[in-house]
Amino acid sequence: MSDEDDLARAIAASLATLTGADPLQPASGQDDDELRRAIELSLNDKPSTQTREAAPASGSNQLSERARMEQDRLARLKRLRPDLHSSALASSKRARTDSGSDSDSEIRVIKPVPKQATSSAADAPKFWDGALRQTAVRHAHPRADGQPVFRLTDVLGDKSEIAFVVLSSYALDLPWIYQFFDPATPVILVMPPNPDGKAMFHYVLPNWIRASPPLNGGRGVMHVKLMLVLYRTGRLRVVVSTANLVDYDYRDIENSVWLQDIPRSTKPPKVPAQSKKKEKSPLEEDFPTTLCRTLESLKISRALELLLSDHPNLPIRTVNDLMTGWDWTKVTAILVPAMSGKHEGWPAVVKQGHPRLMAAIRCLGLEVNQRKGKKVLLGERLQLECQGSSIGQYSTQWFNEFFHSASGRSAEEYLDEPKGRRAKLPYPSIRVVYPSLRTVQQSVLGEPGGGTMFCRREQWSAPKFPRDHFHDSKSKAGRVLMHSKMVIGTITGLSNQVTVDLTNSDEEVEVEEEEYRGWAYVGSANFTTSAWGTISGSAFNPVLNVTNYELGVVIPLKSKQEADNVACFQRPPSKYQSSDLPWMQGESLLLAAAG
């Protein structure tokens, strides 16, 4: 057995002494409490891997000292307490059940993937133009649709080639994810804060710093699933996904992963004179600018400062180095963050949540009834398919608010409408794509496999709840459930398009060749107000309130076939039958028995 195996198991034994009885649970939020309970249920049959929090150390020296003390302790454990070390080894060899659950009394350690089984840096595929794929699922292999998939080893690559990595996740299985990295690799791990919602930073393992952004009053969740992988060759891989850093999200439940490889810039960075600096319009903000702004909100800068005290040769010294040190010219996806907080004024509002989605759609030239010069094109129709794993508290007002942004139209127009008129608007053309009880029961894992998706009875039974907008979420891979979150927007009606010349009072009708336009969002955001935000105030001074931290990307769709290929669910989704109910795990006796 190698020293690396011994170290991994010793760290697991160390974690066993630090592990609390329950996973860290953020404070309750308005719409996503079902998601938190779902993940708690899914983790209850596993040992908790979340270390108890010590008071955050003040200063990098104290953090560094904690890491060194932990290394020394592990060495003493192996040298002086062979009984504990042997116990950890024996525990890791116990047979696991087919469902993947472990005894509550043991810390599960998975043997690291042998080096010969991993692809070399030269042989591993690169994705210079970006790629969006679903994750591999053991119960749907090969996929029914034959599409390629990502495994976590595909996403990360050869661990010996990784120089530095930033990981972000809502739920965490630390011993499991640890195996995918060399113990010497510096890692910043972004996780939810403690229930008090305060920002915090500390070492959780040698070379691993945890950073937690603040949550106002402890309300909401840090829900971002982001990876920044910097390789020794200089290449940067940006990963935006729907998967948490837990084994079942990469094994039993289907997720979505978008990634793109970014080469080092061959040009020296330009540093303009202070007087010549011109801030970009929020509608023109490019991918690296949005990424760095998001990293600042997630408190990566402070974690990076602390990590540099132990690792002075990191590939970056500030998050802004990502903008100047890499060539982003081939990135066509638009980054869409939603950072927790109250955002006031148009410059701040259009950088977050569904107004940021509006900006992304405009940047791609995909707004509905768009203007071309002095002409506006009419007669187009937008259809939204909003797929996810958690259902929110819906109203006609919020549906129309979101639909307005998804049309690429400024919320200024929406806020100009009187509140009374907005409240009376009917539900727009939005399909809510969520698994029915029947679909969950017919899946390979059945009801016990539905532990990370939620709809509550009180939501479904509410008098004005949009029940007739619900459509079944069925995977294209097979009889498996999905933790993906997607919005597919398709624009139709161009074959009978009406063009209005704004310079004249007369309308001229132009019949253009029929074409297909659309876009897809994929990321951490479920279709809820907590994830996308709610807008209020006036057209002069808008306010956007966002509860969660979320992140996704928007990509253009050029054909119906491309939309069908990109969507993780079967299109068109089937409308619920009159006898159908949504999956409500709180009413599942089988899931309760399994838990």
Foldseek 3Di string as FASTA:
>chain_A
DDPQQLLLLLVLLVQLVFFDQFEFAFDEAAFCPLLRQLVRLVCNLAAHRDGDDDPFDDDLVVQQVVQVVQVVVSVCCVVPPVVSSVVSVVLQPDDDDPVRGDHRNHQHADAADDQVVFDDPVPQDAFALKDKAKFDAPVQPPFLVNDDHDFVCSQQGRQVFFQEKEWEAADASVNHLVSRHDLPHAYEYEYADHRQQDWHWHDPHNNYIYTHFGFVRSYAGAHFGWMWTATPVGKIKTKFWQAGHDVCCNYFAMIMIMMHIWHWDPDAFDDDDPVPDDDDQLLPDADLNLVLVLCVNSVVQVNLCSSCVVVVPGPDSGSCCVVGTTDPVSDPKGKAWAHADKFKDDSRVCRHFLSVLLSRCVVVVNAAQDDDVQKTKDFKDKAKEWEAQTDGQDAQLVQVCSVCSNNSHHCQVVQVDDPVVSRPDDRGRYAYEAAWLVLQCPAPVHLLQSSSGADDPCRCPDPPRPLQRYFYFAFSRDSGHHRWTKMKMKMFGLQFMWMQRNVDPDTDTDGDDGWIWIKMKTHNDHPYCQRRFDWDDHSRMIMTGHRYIIMIIMDIDGHPVSSCVNDRGHPPTGGDDPPIDGDHSVPDPVNVVVD
